[in-house]
């Protein structure tokens, strides 16, 4: 892909996960929120009006929530990597930026959000 990539964005995908290093996080679970920015080329889909030539965001959204809700990991960095790998399995995805928010993180001072952001490209 040359030039500026087309982008598909999914923001605010929510799921309950049991991720974290503390026993209560693993036991009780909490909400995680994921934002995606997928770099792709949308010309073939736009030119043909064919769903098969684009990244089906409905299926992607379901798979991301399933990734949040499956087997626990200690770190949101690991969860972000899991989600990036999942996105890059879609043939039209060239790169992805994943933001994982943990709004109920066990932090002892007032805060609005904690998140990690990673960017991965297709090899």
PDB file of N, CA and C in Angstrom:
ATOM      1  N   UNK A   1       0.852  -1.163   0.000  1.00  0.00           N
ATOM      2  CA  UNK A   1       0.000   0.000   0.000  1.00  0.00           C
ATOM      3  C   UNK A   1       0.899   1.227   0.000  1.00  0.00           C
ATOM      4  N   UNK A   2       0.634   2.131  -0.908  1.00  0.00           N
ATOM      5  CA  UNK A   2       1.442   3.346  -0.973  1.00  0.00           C
ATOM      6  C   UNK A   2       0.589   4.540  -0.578  1.00  0.00           C
ATOM      7  N   UNK A   3       1.253   5.602  -0.156  1.00  0.00           N
ATOM      8  CA  UNK A   3       0.535   6.797   0.248  1.00  0.00           C
ATOM      9  C   UNK A   3      -0.106   6.627   1.609  1.00  0.00           C
ATOM     10  N   UNK A   4      -1.077   7.473   1.893  1.00  0.00           N
ATOM     11  CA  UNK A   4      -1.778   7.430   3.168  1.00  0.00           C
ATOM     12  C   UNK A   4      -2.792   6.288   3.150  1.00  0.00           C
ATOM     13  N   UNK A   5      -2.741   5.421   4.149  1.00  0.00           N
ATOM     14  CA  UNK A   5      -3.677   4.297   4.149  1.00  0.00           C
ATOM     15  C   UNK A   5      -5.095   4.741   4.468  1.00  0.00           C
ATOM     16  N   UNK A   6      -6.039   3.947   4.005  1.00  0.00           N
ATOM     17  CA  UNK A   6      -7.419   4.108   4.451  1.00  0.00           C
ATOM     18  C   UNK A   6      -7.492   3.551   5.870  1.00  0.00           C
ATOM     19  N   UNK A   7      -8.452   4.023   6.635  1.00  0.00           N
ATOM     20  CA  UNK A   7      -8.579   3.596   8.025  1.00  0.00           C
ATOM     21  C   UNK A   7      -9.982   3.098   8.313  1.00  0.00           C
ATOM     22  N   UNK A   8     -10.042   2.030   9.065  1.00  0.00           N
ATOM     23  CA  UNK A   8     -11.290   1.549   9.641  1.00  0.00           C
ATOM     24  C   UNK A   8     -11.129   1.684  11.146  1.00  0.00           C
ATOM     25  N   UNK A   9     -12.019   2.406  11.784  1.00  0.00           N
ATOM     26  CA  UNK A   9     -11.924   2.615  13.233  1.00  0.00           C
ATOM     27  C   UNK A   9     -13.106   1.958  13.923  1.00  0.00           C
ATOM     28  N   UNK A  10     -12.814   1.289  15.007  1.00  0.00           N
ATOM     29  CA  UNK A  10     -13.823   0.753  15.919  1.00  0.00           C
ATOM     30  C   UNK A  10     -13.449   1.275  17.300  1.00  0.00           C
ATOM     31  N   UNK A  11     -14.335   2.003  17.922  1.00  0.00           N
ATOM     32  CA  UNK A  11     -14.032   2.602  19.222  1.00  0.00           C
ATOM     33  C   UNK A  11     -15.028   2.136  20.272  1.00  0.00           C
ATOM     34  N   UNK A  12     -14.509   1.893  21.464  1.00  0.00           N
ATOM     35  CA  UNK A  12     -15.371   1.599  22.596  1.00  0.00           C
ATOM     36  C   UNK A  12     -15.896   0.177  22.664  1.00  0.00           C
ATOM     37  N   UNK A  13     -15.180  -0.772  22.068  1.00  0.00           N
ATOM     38  CA  UNK A  13     -15.592  -2.174  22.200  1.00  0.00           C
ATOM     39  C   UNK A  13     -15.404  -2.588  23.651  1.00  0.00           C
ATOM     40  N   UNK A  14     -16.426  -3.167  24.253  1.00  0.00           N
ATOM     41  CA  UNK A  14     -16.407  -3.448  25.687  1.00  0.00           C
ATOM     42  C   UNK A  14     -16.619  -4.929  25.966  1.00  0.00           C
ATOM     43  N   UNK A  15     -15.852  -5.415  26.928  1.00  0.00           N
ATOM     44  CA  UNK A  15     -16.016  -6.786  27.381  1.00  0.00           C
ATOM     45  C   UNK A  15     -15.542  -6.909  28.813  1.00  0.00           C
ATOM     46  N   UNK A  16     -16.027  -7.928  29.502  1.00  0.00           N
ATOM     47  CA  UNK A  16     -15.604  -8.208  30.868  1.00  0.00           C
ATOM     48  C   UNK A  16     -14.499  -9.249  30.804  1.00  0.00           C
ATOM     49  N   UNK A  17     -13.336  -8.872  31.338  1.00  0.00           N
ATOM     50  CA  UNK A  17     -12.200  -9.781  31.371  1.00  0.00           C
ATOM     51  C   UNK A  17     -11.724  -9.962  32.795  1.00  0.00           C
ATOM     52  N   UNK A  18     -10.961 -11.009  32.989  1.00  0.00           N
ATOM     53  CA  UNK A  18     -10.406 -11.333  34.312  1.00  0.00           C
ATOM     54  C   UNK A  18      -8.889 -11.170  34.288  1.00  0.00           C
ATOM     55  N   UNK A  19      -8.446 -10.092  33.670  1.00  0.00           N
ATOM     56  CA  UNK A  19      -7.022  -9.820  33.497  1.00  0.00           C
ATOM     57  C   UNK A  19      -6.502  -8.987  34.655  1.00  0.00           C
ATOM     58  N   UNK A  20      -5.259  -9.232  35.025  1.00  0.00           N
ATOM     59  CA  UNK A  20      -4.626  -8.452  36.077  1.00  0.00           C
ATOM     60  C   UNK A  20      -3.728  -9.335  36.926  1.00  0.00           C
ATOM     61  N   UNK A  21      -2.938  -8.704  37.736  1.00  0.00           N
ATOM     62  CA  UNK A  21      -1.989  -9.445  38.567  1.00  0.00           C
ATOM     63  C   UNK A  21      -2.533  -9.729  39.965  1.00  0.00           C
ATOM     64  N   UNK A  22      -3.623  -9.079  40.336  1.00  0.00           N
ATOM     65  CA  UNK A  22      -4.174  -9.270  41.674  1.00  0.00           C
ATOM     66  C   UNK A  22      -5.265 -10.337  41.674  1.00  0.00           C
ATOM     67  N   UNK A  23      -5.362 -11.073  42.777  1.00  0.00           N
ATOM     68  CA  UNK A  23      -6.360 -12.139  42.899  1.00  0.00           C
ATOM     69  C   UNK A  23      -7.779 -11.625  42.668  1.00  0.00           C
ATOM     70  N   UNK A  24      -8.106 -10.462  43.234  1.00  0.00           N
ATOM     71  CA  UNK A  24      -9.465  -9.939  43.079  1.00  0.00           C
ATOM     72  C   UNK A  24      -9.784  -9.591  41.628  1.00  0.00           C
ATOM     73  N   UNK A  25      -8.788  -9.188  40.838  1.00  0.00           N
ATOM     74  CA  UNK A  25      -9.028  -8.906  39.416  1.00  0.00           C
ATOM     75  C   UNK A  25      -9.358 -10.193  38.678  1.00  0.00           C
ATOM     76  N   UNK A  26      -8.637 -11.239  38.985  1.00  0.00           N
ATOM     77  CA  UNK A  26      -8.868 -12.540  38.350  1.00  0.00           C
ATOM     78  C   UNK A  26     -10.215 -13.115  38.787  1.00  0.00           C
ATOM     79  N   UNK A  27     -10.550 -12.958  40.040  1.00  0.00           N
ATOM     80  CA  UNK A  27     -11.781 -13.529  40.582  1.00  0.00           C
ATOM     81  C   UNK A  27     -13.019 -12.757  40.113  1.00  0.00           C
ATOM     82  N   UNK A  28     -12.981 -11.422  40.251  1.00  0.00           N
ATOM     83  CA  UNK A  28     -14.171 -10.612  40.029  1.00  0.00           C
ATOM     84  C   UNK A  28     -14.331 -10.134  38.586  1.00  0.00           C
ATOM     85  N   UNK A  29     -13.240  -9.960  37.885  1.00  0.00           N
ATOM     86  CA  UNK A  29     -13.294  -9.415  36.534  1.00  0.00           C
ATOM     87  C   UNK A  29     -13.620  -7.934  36.546  1.00  0.00           C
ATOM     88  N   UNK A  30     -13.485  -7.317  35.384  1.00  0.00           N
ATOM     89  CA  UNK A  30     -13.798  -5.900  35.226  1.00  0.00           C
ATOM     90  C   UNK A  30     -13.933  -5.587  33.743  1.00  0.00           C
ATOM     91  N   UNK A  31     -14.457  -4.418  33.455  1.00  0.00           N
ATOM     92  CA  UNK A  31     -14.643  -4.016  32.063  1.00  0.00           C
ATOM     93  C   UNK A  31     -13.324  -3.537  31.465  1.00  0.00           C
ATOM     94  N   UNK A  32     -13.094  -3.974  30.238  1.00  0.00           N
ATOM     95  CA  UNK A  32     -11.993  -3.483  29.411  1.00  0.00           C
ATOM     96  C   UNK A  32     -12.611  -2.871  28.171  1.00  0.00           C
ATOM     97  N   UNK A  33     -12.006  -1.800  27.680  1.00  0.00           N
ATOM     98  CA  UNK A  33     -12.517  -1.092  26.510  1.00  0.00           C
ATOM     99  C   UNK A  33     -11.395  -1.046  25.480  1.00  0.00           C
ATOM    100  N   UNK A  34     -11.726  -1.365  24.240  1.00  0.00           N
ATOM    101  CA  UNK A  34     -10.728  -1.434  23.176  1.00  0.00           C
ATOM    102  C   UNK A  34     -11.124  -0.515  22.028  1.00  0.00           C
ATOM    103  N   UNK A  35     -10.136   0.247  21.553  1.00  0.00           N
ATOM    104  CA  UNK A  35     -10.270   1.056  20.340  1.00  0.00           C
ATOM    105  C   UNK A  35      -9.305   0.495  19.305  1.00  0.00           C
ATOM    106  N   UNK A  36      -9.762   0.419  18.065  1.00  0.00           N
ATOM    107  CA  UNK A  36      -8.937  -0.068  16.962  1.00  0.00           C
ATOM    108  C   UNK A  36      -8.879   0.955  15.851  1.00  0.00           C
ATOM    109  N   UNK A  37      -7.715   1.050  15.239  1.00  0.00           N
ATOM    110  CA  UNK A  37      -7.550   1.804  14.000  1.00  0.00           C
ATOM    111  C   UNK A  37      -6.809   0.875  13.047  1.00  0.00           C
ATOM    112  N   UNK A  38      -7.530   0.368  12.060  1.00  0.00           N
ATOM    113  CA  UNK A  38      -6.991  -0.615  11.136  1.00  0.00           C
ATOM    114  C   UNK A  38      -6.632   0.075   9.827  1.00  0.00           C
ATOM    115  N   UNK A  39      -5.373  -0.062   9.422  1.00  0.00           N
ATOM    116  CA  UNK A  39      -4.921   0.478   8.147  1.00  0.00           C
ATOM    117  C   UNK A  39      -5.187  -0.564   7.072  1.00  0.00           C
ATOM    118  N   UNK A  40      -5.838  -0.131   6.003  1.00  0.00           N
ATOM    119  CA  UNK A  40      -6.265  -1.038   4.950  1.00  0.00           C
ATOM    120  C   UNK A  40      -6.390  -0.261   3.644  1.00  0.00           C
ATOM    121  N   UNK A  41      -6.745  -0.940   2.609  1.00  0.00           N
ATOM    122  CA  UNK A  41      -7.029  -0.286   1.329  1.00  0.00           C
ATOM    123  C   UNK A  41      -8.483  -0.581   0.996  1.00  0.00           C
ATOM    124  N   UNK A  42      -9.306   0.429   1.028  1.00  0.00           N
ATOM    125  CA  UNK A  42     -10.748   0.255   0.844  1.00  0.00           C
ATOM    126  C   UNK A  42     -11.219   0.456  -0.593  1.00  0.00           C
ATOM    127  N   UNK A  43     -10.286   0.687  -1.519  1.00  0.00           N
ATOM    128  CA  UNK A  43     -10.703   0.989  -2.902  1.00  0.00           C
ATOM    129  C   UNK A  43     -11.463  -0.157  -3.553  1.00  0.00           C
ATOM    130  N   UNK A  44     -10.998  -1.391  -3.394  1.00  0.00           N
ATOM    131  CA  UNK A  44     -11.677  -2.533  -4.037  1.00  0.00           C
ATOM    132  C   UNK A  44     -13.094  -2.684  -3.509  1.00  0.00           C
ATOM    133  N   UNK A  45     -13.265  -2.539  -2.208  1.00  0.00           N
ATOM    134  CA  UNK A  45     -14.605  -2.648  -1.622  1.00  0.00           C
ATOM    135  C   UNK A  45     -15.496  -1.499  -2.084  1.00  0.00           C
ATOM    136  N   UNK A  46     -14.956  -0.284  -2.055  1.00  0.00           N
ATOM    137  CA  UNK A  46     -15.746   0.877  -2.448  1.00  0.00           C
ATOM    138  C   UNK A  46     -16.135   0.813  -3.924  1.00  0.00           C
ATOM    139  N   UNK A  47     -15.203   0.353  -4.748  1.00  0.00           N
ATOM    140  CA  UNK A  47     -15.464   0.289  -6.187  1.00  0.00           C
ATOM    141  C   UNK A  47     -16.447  -0.789  -6.577  1.00  0.00           C
ATOM    142  N   UNK A  48     -16.522  -1.847  -5.798  1.00  0.00           N
ATOM    143  CA  UNK A  48     -17.395  -2.968  -6.141  1.00  0.00           C
ATOM    144  C   UNK A  48     -18.643  -3.052  -5.271  1.00  0.00           C
ATOM    145  N   UNK A  49     -18.657  -2.312  -4.151  1.00  0.00           N
ATOM    146  CA  UNK A  49     -19.753  -2.387  -3.182  1.00  0.00           C
ATOM    147  C   UNK A  49     -19.933  -3.821  -2.684  1.00  0.00           C
ATOM    148  N   UNK A  50     -18.802  -4.521  -2.511  1.00  0.00           N
ATOM    149  CA  UNK A  50     -18.796  -5.947  -2.161  1.00  0.00           C
ATOM    150  C   UNK A  50     -18.217  -6.119  -0.757  1.00  0.00           C
ATOM    151  N   UNK A  51     -19.044  -6.605   0.152  1.00  0.00           N
ATOM    152  CA  UNK A  51     -18.620  -6.835   1.529  1.00  0.00           C
ATOM    153  C   UNK A  51     -17.430  -7.782   1.619  1.00  0.00           C
ATOM    154  N   UNK A  52     -17.331  -8.710   0.684  1.00  0.00           N
ATOM    155  CA  UNK A  52     -16.239  -9.670   0.685  1.00  0.00           C
ATOM    156  C   UNK A  52     -14.878  -9.066   0.397  1.00  0.00           C
ATOM    157  N   UNK A  53     -14.849  -7.806  -0.035  1.00  0.00           N
ATOM    158  CA  UNK A  53     -13.573  -7.160  -0.365  1.00  0.00           C
ATOM    159  C   UNK A  53     -13.134  -6.145   0.687  1.00  0.00           C
ATOM    160  N   UNK A  54     -13.777  -6.191   1.830  1.00  0.00           N
ATOM    161  CA  UNK A  54     -13.409  -5.282   2.910  1.00  0.00           C
ATOM    162  C   UNK A  54     -13.247  -6.071   4.191  1.00  0.00           C
ATOM    163  N   UNK A  55     -12.927  -5.391   5.249  1.00  0.00           N
ATOM    164  CA  UNK A  55     -12.818  -6.006   6.564  1.00  0.00           C
ATOM    165  C   UNK A  55     -14.184  -5.899   7.228  1.00  0.00           C
ATOM    166  N   UNK A  56     -14.800  -7.022   7.507  1.00  0.00           N
ATOM    167  CA  UNK A  56     -16.149  -7.052   8.084  1.00  0.00           C
ATOM    168  C   UNK A  56     -16.060  -6.618   9.548  1.00  0.00           C
ATOM    169  N   UNK A  57     -16.417  -5.373   9.822  1.00  0.00           N
ATOM    170  CA  UNK A  57     -16.215  -4.838  11.171  1.00  0.00           C
ATOM    171  C   UNK A  57     -17.137  -5.471  12.206  1.00  0.00           C
ATOM    172  N   UNK A  58     -18.273  -6.016  11.780  1.00  0.00           N
ATOM    173  CA  UNK A  58     -19.152  -6.696  12.729  1.00  0.00           C
ATOM    174  C   UNK A  58     -18.511  -7.966  13.268  1.00  0.00           C
ATOM    175  N   UNK A  59     -17.921  -8.733  12.374  1.00  0.00           N
ATOM    176  CA  UNK A  59     -17.220  -9.952  12.785  1.00  0.00           C
ATOM    177  C   UNK A  59     -15.993  -9.592  13.614  1.00  0.00           C
ATOM    178  N   UNK A  60     -15.252  -8.585  13.173  1.00  0.00           N
ATOM    179  CA  UNK A  60     -14.070  -8.155  13.916  1.00  0.00           C
ATOM    180  C   UNK A  60     -14.457  -7.750  15.340  1.00  0.00           C
ATOM    181  N   UNK A  61     -15.509  -6.979  15.494  1.00  0.00           N
ATOM    182  CA  UNK A  61     -15.939  -6.528  16.820  1.00  0.00           C
ATOM    183  C   UNK A  61     -16.261  -7.715  17.725  1.00  0.00           C
ATOM    184  N   UNK A  62     -16.969  -8.697  17.198  1.00  0.00           N
ATOM    185  CA  UNK A  62     -17.304  -9.886  17.990  1.00  0.00           C
ATOM    186  C   UNK A  62     -16.044 -10.633  18.418  1.00  0.00           C
ATOM    187  N   UNK A  63     -15.081 -10.741  17.526  1.00  0.00           N
ATOM    188  CA  UNK A  63     -13.851 -11.466  17.837  1.00  0.00           C
ATOM    189  C   UNK A  63     -13.004 -10.722  18.868  1.00  0.00           C
ATOM    190  N   UNK A  64     -12.989  -9.403  18.806  1.00  0.00           N
ATOM    191  CA  UNK A  64     -12.232  -8.621  19.785  1.00  0.00           C
ATOM    192  C   UNK A  64     -12.848  -8.787  21.175  1.00  0.00           C
ATOM    193  N   UNK A  65     -14.162  -8.698  21.272  1.00  0.00           N
ATOM    194  CA  UNK A  65     -14.809  -8.882  22.573  1.00  0.00           C
ATOM    195  C   UNK A  65     -14.553 -10.297  23.095  1.00  0.00           C
ATOM    196  N   UNK A  66     -14.593 -11.294  22.218  1.00  0.00           N
ATOM    197  CA  UNK A  66     -14.282 -12.663  22.644  1.00  0.00           C
ATOM    198  C   UNK A  66     -12.846 -12.764  23.147  1.00  0.00           C
ATOM    199  N   UNK A  67     -11.921 -12.039  22.525  1.00  0.00           N
ATOM    200  CA  UNK A  67     -10.514 -12.042  22.968  1.00  0.00           C
ATOM    201  C   UNK A  67     -10.369 -11.395  24.343  1.00  0.00           C
ATOM    202  N   UNK A  68     -11.165 -10.367  24.609  1.00  0.00           N
ATOM    203  CA  UNK A  68     -11.155  -9.740  25.934  1.00  0.00           C
ATOM    204  C   UNK A  68     -11.656 -10.732  26.981  1.00  0.00           C
ATOM    205  N   UNK A  69     -12.689 -11.481  26.625  1.00  0.00           N
ATOM    206  CA  UNK A  69     -13.393 -12.300  27.601  1.00  0.00           C
ATOM    207  C   UNK A  69     -12.810 -13.691  27.792  1.00  0.00           C
ATOM    208  N   UNK A  70     -11.844 -14.092  26.966  1.00  0.00           N
ATOM    209  CA  UNK A  70     -11.289 -15.441  27.136  1.00  0.00           C
ATOM    210  C   UNK A  70     -10.134 -15.444  28.129  1.00  0.00           C
ATOM    211  N   UNK A  71      -9.334 -16.460  28.141  1.00  0.00           N
ATOM    212  CA  UNK A  71      -8.342 -16.739  29.169  1.00  0.00           C
ATOM    213  C   UNK A  71      -7.584 -15.500  29.645  1.00  0.00           C
ATOM    214  N   UNK A  72      -7.497 -15.383  30.976  1.00  0.00           N
ATOM    215  CA  UNK A  72      -6.878 -14.201  31.586  1.00  0.00           C
ATOM    216  C   UNK A  72      -5.379 -14.115  31.349  1.00  0.00           C
ATOM    217  N   UNK A  73      -4.897 -12.870  31.310  1.00  0.00           N
ATOM    218  CA  UNK A  73      -3.462 -12.566  31.269  1.00  0.00           C
ATOM    219  C   UNK A  73      -3.189 -11.553  32.368  1.00  0.00           C
ATOM    220  N   UNK A  74      -1.933 -11.409  32.717  1.00  0.00           N
ATOM    221  CA  UNK A  74      -1.568 -10.460  33.773  1.00  0.00           C
ATOM    222  C   UNK A  74      -1.639  -9.011  33.294  1.00  0.00           C
ATOM    223  N   UNK A  75      -1.169  -8.763  32.083  1.00  0.00           N
ATOM    224  CA  UNK A  75      -0.937  -7.397  31.618  1.00  0.00           C
ATOM    225  C   UNK A  75      -1.866  -6.993  30.479  1.00  0.00           C
ATOM    226  N   UNK A  76      -2.275  -5.714  30.484  1.00  0.00           N
ATOM    227  CA  UNK A  76      -3.056  -5.231  29.346  1.00  0.00           C
ATOM    228  C   UNK A  76      -2.179  -5.132  28.100  1.00  0.00           C
ATOM    229  N   UNK A  77      -0.872  -5.062  28.263  1.00  0.00           N
ATOM    230  CA  UNK A  77       0.035  -5.104  27.117  1.00  0.00           C
ATOM    231  C   UNK A  77      -0.107  -6.427  26.372  1.00  0.00           C
ATOM    232  N   UNK A  78      -0.235  -7.515  27.131  1.00  0.00           N
ATOM    233  CA  UNK A  78      -0.413  -8.847  26.533  1.00  0.00           C
ATOM    234  C   UNK A  78      -1.764  -8.939  25.836  1.00  0.00           C
ATOM    235  N   UNK A  79      -2.786  -8.386  26.437  1.00  0.00           N
ATOM    236  CA  UNK A  79      -4.108  -8.366  25.818  1.00  0.00           C
ATOM    237  C   UNK A  79      -4.081  -7.564  24.524  1.00  0.00           C
ATOM    238  N   UNK A  80      -3.403  -6.431  24.513  1.00  0.00           N
ATOM    239  CA  UNK A  80      -3.294  -5.609  23.298  1.00  0.00           C
ATOM    240  C   UNK A  80      -2.612  -6.393  22.181  1.00  0.00           C
ATOM    241  N   UNK A  81      -1.561  -7.116  22.520  1.00  0.00           N
ATOM    242  CA  UNK A  81      -0.846  -7.919  21.517  1.00  0.00           C
ATOM    243  C   UNK A  81      -1.746  -9.019  20.968  1.00  0.00           C
ATOM    244  N   UNK A  82      -2.514  -9.662  21.832  1.00  0.00           N
ATOM    245  CA  UNK A  82      -3.467 -10.699  21.405  1.00  0.00           C
ATOM    246  C   UNK A  82      -4.448 -10.125  20.385  1.00  0.00           C
ATOM    247  N   UNK A  83      -4.955  -8.940  20.674  1.00  0.00           N
ATOM    248  CA  UNK A  83      -5.940  -8.312  19.782  1.00  0.00           C
ATOM    249  C   UNK A  83      -5.293  -7.889  18.466  1.00  0.00           C
ATOM    250  N   UNK A  84      -4.089  -7.348  18.514  1.00  0.00           N
ATOM    251  CA  UNK A  84      -3.391  -6.971  17.284  1.00  0.00           C
ATOM    252  C   UNK A  84      -3.179  -8.192  16.394  1.00  0.00           C
ATOM    253  N   UNK A  85      -2.764  -9.302  16.972  1.00  0.00           N
ATOM    254  CA  UNK A  85      -2.573 -10.532  16.197  1.00  0.00           C
ATOM    255  C   UNK A  85      -3.873 -10.967  15.537  1.00  0.00           C
ATOM    256  N   UNK A  86      -4.959 -10.860  16.264  1.00  0.00           N
ATOM    257  CA  UNK A  86      -6.277 -11.239  15.743  1.00  0.00           C
ATOM    258  C   UNK A  86      -6.646 -10.363  14.540  1.00  0.00           C
ATOM    259  N   UNK A  87      -6.459  -9.059  14.670  1.00  0.00           N
ATOM    260  CA  UNK A  87      -6.809  -8.137  13.577  1.00  0.00           C
ATOM    261  C   UNK A  87      -5.994  -8.447  12.327  1.00  0.00           C
ATOM    262  N   UNK A  88      -4.708  -8.715  12.505  1.00  0.00           N
ATOM    263  CA  UNK A  88      -3.842  -8.949  11.345  1.00  0.00           C
ATOM    264  C   UNK A  88      -4.080 -10.286  10.670  1.00  0.00           C
ATOM    265  N   UNK A  89      -4.940 -11.123  11.247  1.00  0.00           N
ATOM    266  CA  UNK A  89      -5.366 -12.342  10.561  1.00  0.00           C
ATOM    267  C   UNK A  89      -6.344 -12.036   9.427  1.00  0.00           C
ATOM    268  N   UNK A  90      -6.986 -10.871   9.463  1.00  0.00           N
ATOM    269  CA  UNK A  90      -7.878 -10.472   8.382  1.00  0.00           C
ATOM    270  C   UNK A  90      -7.022 -10.086   7.180  1.00  0.00           C
ATOM    271  N   UNK A  91      -7.267 -10.667   6.011  1.00  0.00           N
ATOM    272  CA  UNK A  91      -6.380 -10.457   4.864  1.00  0.00           C
ATOM    273  C   UNK A  91      -6.245  -9.003   4.413  1.00  0.00           C
ATOM    274  N   UNK A  92      -7.262  -8.180   4.625  1.00  0.00           N
ATOM    275  CA  UNK A  92      -7.196  -6.794   4.151  1.00  0.00           C
ATOM    276  C   UNK A  92      -6.545  -5.853   5.165  1.00  0.00           C
ATOM    277  N   UNK A  93      -6.280  -6.326   6.373  1.00  0.00           N
ATOM    278  CA  UNK A  93      -5.650  -5.483   7.401  1.00  0.00           C
ATOM    279  C   UNK A  93      -4.147  -5.449   7.159  1.00  0.00           C
ATOM    280  N   UNK A  94      -3.606  -4.266   6.967  1.00  0.00           N
ATOM    281  CA  UNK A  94      -2.167  -4.104   6.738  1.00  0.00           C
ATOM    282  C   UNK A  94      -1.425  -3.733   8.019  1.00  0.00           C
ATOM    283  N   UNK A  95      -2.080  -2.973   8.887  1.00  0.00           N
ATOM    284  CA  UNK A  95      -1.504  -2.573  10.169  1.00  0.00           C
ATOM    285  C   UNK A  95      -2.656  -2.221  11.092  1.00  0.00           C
ATOM    286  N   UNK A  96      -2.362  -2.215  12.394  1.00  0.00           N
ATOM    287  CA  UNK A  96      -3.408  -1.894  13.358  1.00  0.00           C
ATOM    288  C   UNK A  96      -2.801  -1.173  14.548  1.00  0.00           C
ATOM    289  N   UNK A  97      -3.539  -0.197  15.035  1.00  0.00           N
ATOM    290  CA  UNK A  97      -3.228   0.434  16.308  1.00  0.00           C
ATOM    291  C   UNK A  97      -4.320   0.004  17.277  1.00  0.00           C
ATOM    292  N   UNK A  98      -3.900  -0.580  18.385  1.00  0.00           N
ATOM    293  CA  UNK A  98      -4.823  -1.098  19.402  1.00  0.00           C
ATOM    294  C   UNK A  98      -4.625  -0.293  20.677  1.00  0.00           C
ATOM    295  N   UNK A  99      -5.718   0.204  21.211  1.00  0.00           N
ATOM    296  CA  UNK A  99      -5.697   0.842  22.526  1.00  0.00           C
ATOM    297  C   UNK A  99      -6.562   0.004  23.454  1.00  0.00           C
ATOM    298  N   UNK A 100      -5.974  -0.449  24.562  1.00  0.00           N
ATOM    299  CA  UNK A 100      -6.724  -1.176  25.582  1.00  0.00           C
ATOM    300  C   UNK A 100      -6.826  -0.271  26.804  1.00  0.00           C
ATOM    301  N   UNK A 101      -8.060   0.026  27.188  1.00  0.00           N
ATOM    302  CA  UNK A 101      -8.344   0.844  28.365  1.00  0.00           C
ATOM    303  C   UNK A 101      -8.744  -0.072  29.523  1.00  0.00           C
ATOM    304  N   UNK A 102      -8.267   0.261  30.701  1.00  0.00           N
ATOM    305  CA  UNK A 102      -8.642  -0.447  31.919  1.00  0.00           C
ATOM    306  C   UNK A 102      -9.166   0.600  32.904  1.00  0.00           C
ATOM    307  N   UNK A 103     -10.436   1.021  32.721  1.00  0.00           N
ATOM    308  CA  UNK A 103     -10.954   2.148  33.495  1.00  0.00           C
ATOM    309  C   UNK A 103     -11.123   1.881  34.987  1.00  0.00           C
ATOM    310  N   UNK A 104     -11.127   0.612  35.384  1.00  0.00           N
ATOM    311  CA  UNK A 104     -11.263   0.292  36.811  1.00  0.00           C
ATOM    312  C   UNK A 104      -9.978  -0.305  37.365  1.00  0.00           C
ATOM    313  N   UNK A 105      -8.856   0.083  36.809  1.00  0.00           N
ATOM    314  CA  UNK A 105      -7.563  -0.428  37.272  1.00  0.00           C
ATOM    315  C   UNK A 105      -7.388  -0.152  38.768  1.00  0.00           C
ATOM    316  N   UNK A 106      -6.690  -1.042  39.456  1.00  0.00           N
ATOM    317  CA  UNK A 106      -6.499  -0.860  40.896  1.00  0.00           C
ATOM    318  C   UNK A 106      -5.424   0.186  41.205  1.00  0.00           C
ATOM    319  N   UNK A 107      -5.808   1.433  41.032  1.00  0.00           N
ATOM    320  CA  UNK A 107      -4.920   2.572  41.300  1.00  0.00           C
ATOM    321  C   UNK A 107      -5.486   3.291  42.520  1.00  0.00           C
ATOM    322  N   UNK A 108      -4.635   3.693  43.440  1.00  0.00           N
ATOM    323  CA  UNK A 108      -5.095   4.218  44.725  1.00  0.00           C
ATOM    324  C   UNK A 108      -5.390   5.712  44.736  1.00  0.00           C
ATOM    325  N   UNK A 109      -5.211   6.383  43.619  1.00  0.00           N
ATOM    326  CA  UNK A 109      -5.521   7.811  43.532  1.00  0.00           C
ATOM    327  C   UNK A 109      -6.575   8.014  42.454  1.00  0.00           C
ATOM    328  N   UNK A 110      -7.316   9.125  42.494  1.00  0.00           N
ATOM    329  CA  UNK A 110      -8.321   9.370  41.458  1.00  0.00           C
ATOM    330  C   UNK A 110      -7.674   9.432  40.069  1.00  0.00           C
ATOM    331  N   UNK A 111      -8.333   8.806  39.084  1.00  0.00           N
ATOM    332  CA  UNK A 111      -7.846   8.838  37.702  1.00  0.00           C
ATOM    333  C   UNK A 111      -9.023   8.650  36.766  1.00  0.00           C
ATOM    334  N   UNK A 112      -8.853   9.080  35.543  1.00  0.00           N
ATOM    335  CA  UNK A 112      -9.914   8.953  34.545  1.00  0.00           C
ATOM    336  C   UNK A 112      -9.798   7.665  33.746  1.00  0.00           C
ATOM    337  N   UNK A 113      -8.568   7.234  33.439  1.00  0.00           N
ATOM    338  CA  UNK A 113      -8.391   6.070  32.578  1.00  0.00           C
ATOM    339  C   UNK A 113      -6.929   5.666  32.623  1.00  0.00           C
ATOM    340  N   UNK A 114      -6.677   4.419  32.346  1.00  0.00           N
ATOM    341  CA  UNK A 114      -5.325   3.954  32.083  1.00  0.00           C
ATOM    342  C   UNK A 114      -5.421   3.114  30.818  1.00  0.00           C
ATOM    343  N   UNK A 115      -4.452   3.262  29.928  1.00  0.00           N
ATOM    344  CA  UNK A 115      -4.508   2.516  28.675  1.00  0.00           C
ATOM    345  C   UNK A 115      -3.108   2.271  28.150  1.00  0.00           C
ATOM    346  N   UNK A 116      -3.017   1.278  27.276  1.00  0.00           N
ATOM    347  CA  UNK A 116      -1.801   1.056  26.504  1.00  0.00           C
ATOM    348  C   UNK A 116      -2.174   1.144  25.039  1.00  0.00           C
ATOM    349  N   UNK A 117      -1.234   1.595  24.238  1.00  0.00           N
ATOM    350  CA  UNK A 117      -1.441   1.725  22.799  1.00  0.00           C
ATOM    351  C   UNK A 117      -0.269   1.044  22.107  1.00  0.00           C
ATOM    352  N   UNK A 118      -0.592   0.109  21.189  1.00  0.00           N
ATOM    353  CA  UNK A 118       0.448  -0.526  20.392  1.00  0.00           C
ATOM    354  C   UNK A 118       0.070  -0.425  18.921  1.00  0.00           C
ATOM    355  N   UNK A 119       1.074  -0.442  18.057  1.00  0.00           N
ATOM    356  CA  UNK A 119       0.861  -0.476  16.605  1.00  0.00           C
ATOM    357  C   UNK A 119       1.638  -1.644  16.061  1.00  0.00           C
ATOM    358  N   UNK A 120       0.992  -2.477  15.273  1.00  0.00           N
ATOM    359  CA  UNK A 120       1.619  -3.639  14.657  1.00  0.00           C
ATOM    360  C   UNK A 120       1.297  -3.658  13.174  1.00  0.00           C
ATOM    361  N   UNK A 121       2.267  -4.131  12.381  1.00  0.00           N
ATOM    362  CA  UNK A 121       2.089  -4.247  10.933  1.00  0.00           C
ATOM    363  C   UNK A 121       2.150  -5.701  10.518  1.00  0.00           C
ATOM    364  N   UNK A 122       1.519  -5.972   9.403  1.00  0.00           N
ATOM    365  CA  UNK A 122       1.600  -7.313   8.815  1.00  0.00           C
ATOM    366  C   UNK A 122       3.057  -7.571   8.430  1.00  0.00           C
ATOM    367  N   UNK A 123       3.516  -8.768   8.724  1.00  0.00           N
ATOM    368  CA  UNK A 123       4.897  -9.137   8.350  1.00  0.00           C
ATOM    369  C   UNK A 123       5.010  -9.444   6.883  1.00  0.00           C
TER     370      UNK A 123
END
